[in-house]
N, C-alpha and C. Protein backbone atom coordinates (compact mmCIF):
# COMPACT_ATOMS: atom_id res chain seq x y z
N MET A 1 1.15 -9.07 -3.34
CA MET A 1 -0.05 -8.49 -2.77
C MET A 1 -0.79 -7.64 -3.79
N LYS A 2 -0.03 -6.85 -4.54
CA LYS A 2 -0.68 -5.96 -5.51
C LYS A 2 -1.51 -6.75 -6.51
N GLY A 3 -0.93 -7.82 -7.04
CA GLY A 3 -1.63 -8.59 -8.06
C GLY A 3 -2.93 -9.19 -7.55
N ALA A 4 -2.88 -9.78 -6.37
CA ALA A 4 -4.08 -10.37 -5.79
C ALA A 4 -5.13 -9.29 -5.51
N ALA A 5 -4.69 -8.14 -5.05
CA ALA A 5 -5.63 -7.05 -4.77
C ALA A 5 -6.31 -6.58 -6.05
N PHE A 6 -5.56 -6.50 -7.15
CA PHE A 6 -6.18 -6.12 -8.43
C PHE A 6 -7.21 -7.14 -8.87
N VAL A 7 -6.92 -8.42 -8.66
CA VAL A 7 -7.84 -9.48 -9.07
C VAL A 7 -9.18 -9.35 -8.36
N ILE A 8 -9.16 -8.99 -7.09
CA ILE A 8 -10.42 -8.89 -6.34
C ILE A 8 -11.01 -7.48 -6.37
N GLY A 9 -10.36 -6.57 -7.08
CA GLY A 9 -10.91 -5.22 -7.24
C GLY A 9 -10.56 -4.25 -6.14
N ALA A 10 -9.56 -4.56 -5.36
CA ALA A 10 -9.14 -3.66 -4.26
C ALA A 10 -8.09 -2.68 -4.78
N THR A 11 -8.52 -1.79 -5.67
CA THR A 11 -7.57 -0.91 -6.33
C THR A 11 -6.93 0.10 -5.37
N SER A 12 -7.65 0.56 -4.35
CA SER A 12 -7.05 1.52 -3.43
C SER A 12 -5.91 0.87 -2.66
N PHE A 13 -6.04 -0.41 -2.31
CA PHE A 13 -4.96 -1.12 -1.64
C PHE A 13 -3.78 -1.31 -2.60
N SER A 14 -4.08 -1.68 -3.84
CA SER A 14 -3.03 -1.85 -4.84
C SER A 14 -2.27 -0.55 -5.08
N ASP A 15 -3.01 0.54 -5.14
CA ASP A 15 -2.38 1.85 -5.32
C ASP A 15 -1.47 2.19 -4.13
N ALA A 16 -1.93 1.86 -2.93
CA ALA A 16 -1.12 2.12 -1.74
C ALA A 16 0.15 1.27 -1.74
N CYS A 17 0.05 0.02 -2.21
CA CYS A 17 1.24 -0.84 -2.34
C CYS A 17 2.24 -0.23 -3.30
N LEU A 18 1.74 0.22 -4.42
CA LEU A 18 2.61 0.80 -5.44
C LEU A 18 3.26 2.09 -4.93
N SER A 19 2.51 2.90 -4.24
CA SER A 19 3.06 4.14 -3.67
C SER A 19 4.17 3.84 -2.67
N LEU A 20 3.96 2.84 -1.85
CA LEU A 20 4.99 2.45 -0.88
C LEU A 20 6.22 1.92 -1.60
N GLN A 21 6.01 1.13 -2.63
CA GLN A 21 7.13 0.60 -3.41
C GLN A 21 7.95 1.74 -4.00
N HIS A 22 7.27 2.72 -4.57
CA HIS A 22 7.98 3.86 -5.16
C HIS A 22 8.69 4.69 -4.09
N ALA A 23 8.05 4.87 -2.95
CA ALA A 23 8.67 5.65 -1.88
C ALA A 23 9.94 4.98 -1.35
N CYS A 24 9.99 3.68 -1.42
CA CYS A 24 11.15 2.94 -0.91
C CYS A 24 12.30 2.85 -1.91
N THR A 25 12.11 3.40 -3.09
CA THR A 25 13.16 3.40 -4.10
C THR A 25 14.20 4.46 -3.74
N MET A 26 15.46 4.05 -3.74
CA MET A 26 16.53 4.99 -3.42
C MET A 26 16.72 5.96 -4.59
N LEU A 27 16.78 7.23 -4.26
CA LEU A 27 17.02 8.24 -5.27
C LEU A 27 18.52 8.36 -5.52
N PRO A 28 18.94 8.28 -6.76
CA PRO A 28 20.38 8.34 -7.05
C PRO A 28 21.04 9.57 -6.44
N GLY A 29 22.05 9.34 -5.66
CA GLY A 29 22.79 10.42 -5.04
C GLY A 29 22.11 11.09 -3.87
N GLN A 30 20.89 10.65 -3.55
CA GLN A 30 20.14 11.30 -2.48
C GLN A 30 19.74 10.34 -1.36
N GLY A 31 19.76 9.07 -1.62
CA GLY A 31 19.34 8.09 -0.62
C GLY A 31 17.83 7.96 -0.57
N TYR A 32 17.35 7.51 0.55
CA TYR A 32 15.91 7.30 0.74
C TYR A 32 15.25 8.56 1.27
N ASP A 33 14.00 8.74 0.93
CA ASP A 33 13.20 9.84 1.45
C ASP A 33 12.35 9.29 2.59
N ALA A 34 12.87 9.40 3.81
CA ALA A 34 12.20 8.80 4.97
C ALA A 34 10.80 9.36 5.19
N SER A 35 10.62 10.63 4.92
CA SER A 35 9.30 11.24 5.09
C SER A 35 8.29 10.65 4.11
N ALA A 36 8.71 10.46 2.87
CA ALA A 36 7.82 9.86 1.86
C ALA A 36 7.49 8.42 2.22
N ILE A 37 8.48 7.70 2.76
CA ILE A 37 8.25 6.31 3.17
C ILE A 37 7.25 6.26 4.32
N ARG A 38 7.40 7.13 5.31
CA ARG A 38 6.46 7.15 6.44
C ARG A 38 5.04 7.45 5.97
N THR A 39 4.91 8.43 5.09
CA THR A 39 3.60 8.82 4.58
C THR A 39 2.98 7.68 3.78
N ALA A 40 3.76 7.08 2.90
CA ALA A 40 3.26 5.98 2.07
C ALA A 40 2.90 4.77 2.93
N TYR A 41 3.71 4.50 3.96
CA TYR A 41 3.41 3.36 4.83
C TYR A 41 2.13 3.59 5.62
N ALA A 42 1.93 4.80 6.09
CA ALA A 42 0.70 5.10 6.84
C ALA A 42 -0.52 4.88 5.95
N HIS A 43 -0.43 5.31 4.70
CA HIS A 43 -1.54 5.11 3.76
C HIS A 43 -1.73 3.61 3.46
N PHE A 44 -0.63 2.91 3.25
CA PHE A 44 -0.67 1.46 3.03
C PHE A 44 -1.33 0.75 4.21
N HIS A 45 -0.94 1.11 5.42
CA HIS A 45 -1.49 0.48 6.62
C HIS A 45 -3.00 0.73 6.72
N ASP A 46 -3.42 1.96 6.45
CA ASP A 46 -4.85 2.28 6.49
C ASP A 46 -5.63 1.46 5.46
N GLU A 47 -5.08 1.36 4.26
CA GLU A 47 -5.76 0.59 3.21
C GLU A 47 -5.76 -0.91 3.52
N ALA A 48 -4.68 -1.40 4.11
CA ALA A 48 -4.63 -2.82 4.50
C ALA A 48 -5.66 -3.12 5.57
N THR A 49 -5.81 -2.22 6.52
CA THR A 49 -6.81 -2.40 7.58
C THR A 49 -8.22 -2.39 6.99
N ALA A 50 -8.47 -1.45 6.09
CA ALA A 50 -9.79 -1.37 5.45
C ALA A 50 -10.09 -2.62 4.63
N LEU A 51 -9.10 -3.11 3.91
CA LEU A 51 -9.28 -4.33 3.11
C LEU A 51 -9.53 -5.53 4.02
N ASP A 52 -8.78 -5.65 5.08
CA ASP A 52 -8.97 -6.74 6.03
C ASP A 52 -10.37 -6.71 6.62
N THR A 53 -10.83 -5.54 7.00
CA THR A 53 -12.18 -5.40 7.56
C THR A 53 -13.24 -5.81 6.53
N ALA A 54 -13.06 -5.35 5.30
CA ALA A 54 -14.03 -5.70 4.25
C ALA A 54 -14.05 -7.20 3.98
N LEU A 55 -12.89 -7.81 3.95
CA LEU A 55 -12.83 -9.25 3.71
C LEU A 55 -13.43 -10.04 4.87
N GLU A 56 -13.20 -9.59 6.08
CA GLU A 56 -13.77 -10.25 7.26
C GLU A 56 -15.29 -10.18 7.22
N GLN A 57 -15.83 -9.03 6.87
CA GLN A 57 -17.29 -8.86 6.83
C GLN A 57 -17.90 -9.70 5.71
N ARG A 58 -17.17 -9.85 4.64
CA ARG A 58 -17.68 -10.60 3.50
C ARG A 58 -17.72 -12.11 3.79
N SER A 59 -16.78 -12.59 4.59
CA SER A 59 -16.70 -14.04 4.82
C SER A 59 -17.72 -14.53 5.84
N THR A 60 -18.41 -13.63 6.49
CA THR A 60 -19.40 -14.08 7.48
C THR A 60 -20.79 -14.07 6.94
């Protein structure tokens, strides 16, 4: 998803993908940071919705 988003210039979506990817990385000896994952996912979801809306408007 990130690569395709970069190709079409959707950098905010790509950034949200990368943030979610980093948030889902297990910290050595600490496990996952569930709060960071929730926050990153919420941002990812918002950016995905915005991208979907923009693409829908463009195709009509």
